[in-house]
Amino acid sequence: MTEKELEKHNFLTWCRYATTKDLEKAKGGNSEIWERLYSEYAEEIEVINKTRHLCESISQHDIGIQKYDLSLKILA
């Protein structure tokens, strides 16, 4: 893994698990670095954000795959 690939992996992993407070803190403290990384990986960050919003929406409405019976039924 190259240094650039490692940087991308680390940044996107951090974005995936960072809270809103963490994101605001990073934007304020390291704005130059944040802007560079954000512009380079904007498409991937957008996917992360959409996924996060979807997960939050599902959890707010108390629906999820665990609510469904996914057992296999064999009919004779």
N, C-alpha and C. Protein backbone atom coordinates (compact mmCIF):
# COMPACT_ATOMS: atom_id res chain seq x y z
N MET A 1 0.85 -1.17 0.00
CA MET A 1 0.00 0.00 0.00
C MET A 1 0.90 1.24 0.00
N THR A 2 0.67 2.11 -0.94
CA THR A 2 1.47 3.32 -1.03
C THR A 2 1.06 4.31 0.07
N GLU A 3 1.87 5.33 0.24
CA GLU A 3 1.56 6.35 1.24
C GLU A 3 0.25 7.06 0.91
N LYS A 4 0.01 7.32 -0.37
CA LYS A 4 -1.21 7.99 -0.81
C LYS A 4 -2.44 7.11 -0.54
N GLU A 5 -2.33 5.82 -0.82
CA GLU A 5 -3.43 4.90 -0.55
C GLU A 5 -3.72 4.79 0.94
N LEU A 6 -2.67 4.78 1.73
CA LEU A 6 -2.82 4.73 3.18
C LEU A 6 -3.50 5.99 3.71
N GLU A 7 -3.09 7.13 3.18
CA GLU A 7 -3.71 8.40 3.57
C GLU A 7 -5.20 8.38 3.25
N LYS A 8 -5.55 7.92 2.05
CA LYS A 8 -6.95 7.85 1.63
C LYS A 8 -7.72 6.91 2.56
N HIS A 9 -7.20 5.75 2.79
CA HIS A 9 -7.86 4.77 3.65
C HIS A 9 -8.09 5.33 5.05
N ASN A 10 -7.07 5.92 5.63
CA ASN A 10 -7.18 6.48 6.98
C ASN A 10 -8.19 7.61 7.04
N PHE A 11 -8.15 8.51 6.07
CA PHE A 11 -9.07 9.65 6.07
C PHE A 11 -10.52 9.19 5.91
N LEU A 12 -10.77 8.29 4.98
CA LEU A 12 -12.13 7.83 4.76
C LEU A 12 -12.65 7.01 5.94
N THR A 13 -11.79 6.24 6.56
CA THR A 13 -12.20 5.49 7.75
C THR A 13 -12.54 6.45 8.87
N TRP A 14 -11.72 7.48 9.04
CA TRP A 14 -12.00 8.49 10.07
C TRP A 14 -13.33 9.18 9.79
N CYS A 15 -13.57 9.55 8.53
CA CYS A 15 -14.84 10.21 8.16
C CYS A 15 -16.03 9.32 8.45
N ARG A 16 -15.88 8.04 8.23
CA ARG A 16 -16.98 7.09 8.45
C ARG A 16 -17.39 7.05 9.92
N TYR A 17 -16.43 7.12 10.83
CA TYR A 17 -16.74 6.95 12.24
C TYR A 17 -16.74 8.25 13.05
N ALA A 18 -16.39 9.35 12.43
CA ALA A 18 -16.33 10.63 13.14
C ALA A 18 -17.74 11.15 13.44
N THR A 19 -17.87 11.77 14.59
CA THR A 19 -19.13 12.41 14.94
C THR A 19 -19.17 13.79 14.30
N THR A 20 -20.33 14.42 14.36
CA THR A 20 -20.47 15.77 13.83
C THR A 20 -19.52 16.72 14.53
N LYS A 21 -19.36 16.53 15.84
CA LYS A 21 -18.46 17.37 16.62
C LYS A 21 -17.01 17.18 16.15
N ASP A 22 -16.63 15.92 15.88
CA ASP A 22 -15.28 15.64 15.38
C ASP A 22 -15.04 16.32 14.03
N LEU A 23 -16.04 16.26 13.16
CA LEU A 23 -15.90 16.88 11.84
C LEU A 23 -15.73 18.38 11.94
N GLU A 24 -16.53 19.02 12.79
CA GLU A 24 -16.43 20.47 12.96
C GLU A 24 -15.07 20.86 13.53
N LYS A 25 -14.59 20.08 14.48
CA LYS A 25 -13.28 20.35 15.09
C LYS A 25 -12.17 20.23 14.05
N ALA A 26 -12.24 19.22 13.21
CA ALA A 26 -11.22 19.03 12.18
C ALA A 26 -11.24 20.14 11.14
N LYS A 27 -12.44 20.57 10.77
CA LYS A 27 -12.56 21.65 9.78
C LYS A 27 -11.97 22.96 10.32
N GLY A 28 -12.17 23.21 11.60
CA GLY A 28 -11.69 24.45 12.19
C GLY A 28 -10.20 24.47 12.45
N GLY A 29 -9.67 23.37 12.94
CA GLY A 29 -8.27 23.32 13.34
C GLY A 29 -7.28 23.11 12.22
N ASN A 30 -7.65 22.35 11.22
CA ASN A 30 -6.74 22.01 10.12
C ASN A 30 -7.40 22.29 8.77
N SER A 31 -7.88 23.49 8.60
CA SER A 31 -8.70 23.79 7.43
C SER A 31 -7.97 23.55 6.11
N GLU A 32 -6.69 23.84 6.04
CA GLU A 32 -5.95 23.66 4.79
C GLU A 32 -5.86 22.17 4.43
N ILE A 33 -5.52 21.34 5.39
CA ILE A 33 -5.43 19.90 5.17
C ILE A 33 -6.81 19.33 4.90
N TRP A 34 -7.79 19.76 5.68
CA TRP A 34 -9.16 19.28 5.50
C TRP A 34 -9.65 19.57 4.08
N GLU A 35 -9.46 20.79 3.60
CA GLU A 35 -9.92 21.16 2.27
C GLU A 35 -9.25 20.31 1.19
N ARG A 36 -7.97 20.05 1.33
CA ARG A 36 -7.25 19.24 0.35
C ARG A 36 -7.80 17.81 0.32
N LEU A 37 -7.90 17.21 1.49
CA LEU A 37 -8.39 15.83 1.55
C LEU A 37 -9.85 15.74 1.12
N TYR A 38 -10.66 16.69 1.53
CA TYR A 38 -12.07 16.68 1.17
C TYR A 38 -12.25 16.82 -0.34
N SER A 39 -11.50 17.71 -0.96
CA SER A 39 -11.64 17.88 -2.41
C SER A 39 -11.16 16.65 -3.17
N GLU A 40 -10.13 15.97 -2.66
CA GLU A 40 -9.62 14.77 -3.33
C GLU A 40 -10.59 13.60 -3.21
N TYR A 41 -11.26 13.48 -2.09
CA TYR A 41 -12.09 12.31 -1.83
C TYR A 41 -13.57 12.66 -1.66
N ALA A 42 -14.02 13.72 -2.31
CA ALA A 42 -15.39 14.20 -2.16
C ALA A 42 -16.43 13.15 -2.53
N GLU A 43 -16.19 12.41 -3.60
CA GLU A 43 -17.17 11.40 -4.02
C GLU A 43 -17.33 10.30 -2.98
N GLU A 44 -16.22 9.83 -2.43
CA GLU A 44 -16.27 8.78 -1.41
C GLU A 44 -16.92 9.29 -0.13
N ILE A 45 -16.66 10.54 0.22
CA ILE A 45 -17.25 11.14 1.42
C ILE A 45 -18.75 11.27 1.24
N GLU A 46 -19.19 11.61 0.04
CA GLU A 46 -20.62 11.72 -0.23
C GLU A 46 -21.32 10.37 -0.04
N VAL A 47 -20.69 9.30 -0.46
CA VAL A 47 -21.25 7.96 -0.26
C VAL A 47 -21.34 7.65 1.24
N ILE A 48 -20.30 8.00 1.98
CA ILE A 48 -20.31 7.79 3.43
C ILE A 48 -21.44 8.58 4.07
N ASN A 49 -21.61 9.84 3.67
CA ASN A 49 -22.67 10.67 4.24
C ASN A 49 -24.06 10.13 3.93
N LYS A 50 -24.27 9.68 2.70
CA LYS A 50 -25.57 9.12 2.34
C LYS A 50 -25.86 7.87 3.15
N THR A 51 -24.85 7.03 3.31
CA THR A 51 -25.00 5.81 4.09
C THR A 51 -25.31 6.14 5.55
N ARG A 52 -24.61 7.12 6.09
CA ARG A 52 -24.83 7.53 7.48
C ARG A 52 -26.26 8.04 7.67
N HIS A 53 -26.74 8.88 6.74
CA HIS A 53 -28.10 9.42 6.84
C HIS A 53 -29.14 8.31 6.73
N LEU A 54 -28.89 7.35 5.85
CA LEU A 54 -29.81 6.23 5.70
C LEU A 54 -29.87 5.41 6.99
N CYS A 55 -28.72 5.12 7.56
CA CYS A 55 -28.68 4.35 8.81
C CYS A 55 -29.37 5.10 9.94
N GLU A 56 -29.16 6.40 10.03
CA GLU A 56 -29.81 7.20 11.06
C GLU A 56 -31.32 7.21 10.86
N SER A 57 -31.75 7.31 9.61
CA SER A 57 -33.17 7.31 9.31
C SER A 57 -33.81 5.99 9.69
N ILE A 58 -33.15 4.90 9.38
CA ILE A 58 -33.67 3.58 9.73
C ILE A 58 -33.76 3.43 11.24
N SER A 59 -32.73 3.86 11.95
CA SER A 59 -32.75 3.70 13.40
C SER A 59 -33.79 4.61 14.06
N GLN A 60 -34.06 5.78 13.49
CA GLN A 60 -35.07 6.68 14.04
C GLN A 60 -36.48 6.09 13.89
N HIS A 61 -36.70 5.37 12.82
CA HIS A 61 -38.03 4.81 12.56
C HIS A 61 -38.18 3.40 13.11
N ASP A 62 -37.15 2.93 13.79
CA ASP A 62 -37.18 1.63 14.45
C ASP A 62 -37.52 0.50 13.47
N ILE A 63 -36.91 0.59 12.29
CA ILE A 63 -37.04 -0.52 11.36
C ILE A 63 -35.65 -0.98 10.99
N GLY A 64 -35.56 -2.19 10.66
CA GLY A 64 -34.27 -2.74 10.28
C GLY A 64 -34.44 -4.19 9.91
N ILE A 65 -33.41 -4.75 9.39
CA ILE A 65 -33.50 -6.13 8.93
C ILE A 65 -33.79 -7.10 10.07
N GLN A 66 -33.39 -6.75 11.30
CA GLN A 66 -33.64 -7.63 12.43
C GLN A 66 -35.13 -7.75 12.73
N LYS A 67 -35.97 -6.91 12.21
CA LYS A 67 -37.40 -6.96 12.45
C LYS A 67 -38.09 -8.01 11.58
N TYR A 68 -37.41 -8.51 10.57
CA TYR A 68 -38.01 -9.45 9.64
C TYR A 68 -37.57 -10.87 9.94
N ASP A 69 -38.45 -11.81 9.69
CA ASP A 69 -38.14 -13.23 9.86
C ASP A 69 -37.48 -13.71 8.58
N LEU A 70 -36.19 -13.94 8.64
CA LEU A 70 -35.45 -14.35 7.46
C LEU A 70 -35.11 -15.84 7.50
N SER A 71 -35.83 -16.59 8.31
CA SER A 71 -35.53 -18.02 8.42
C SER A 71 -35.98 -18.74 7.15
N LEU A 72 -35.28 -19.79 6.85
CA LEU A 72 -35.56 -20.59 5.67
C LEU A 72 -36.63 -21.62 6.04
N LYS A 73 -37.69 -21.66 5.27
CA LYS A 73 -38.75 -22.61 5.53
C LYS A 73 -38.80 -23.59 4.35
N ILE A 74 -38.73 -24.85 4.68
CA ILE A 74 -38.77 -25.88 3.65
C ILE A 74 -40.15 -26.50 3.67
N LEU A 75 -40.81 -26.43 2.55
CA LEU A 75 -42.14 -27.01 2.43
C LEU A 75 -42.03 -28.38 1.78
N ALA A 76 -42.69 -29.34 2.36
CA ALA A 76 -42.63 -30.71 1.82
C ALA A 76 -43.75 -30.98 0.87
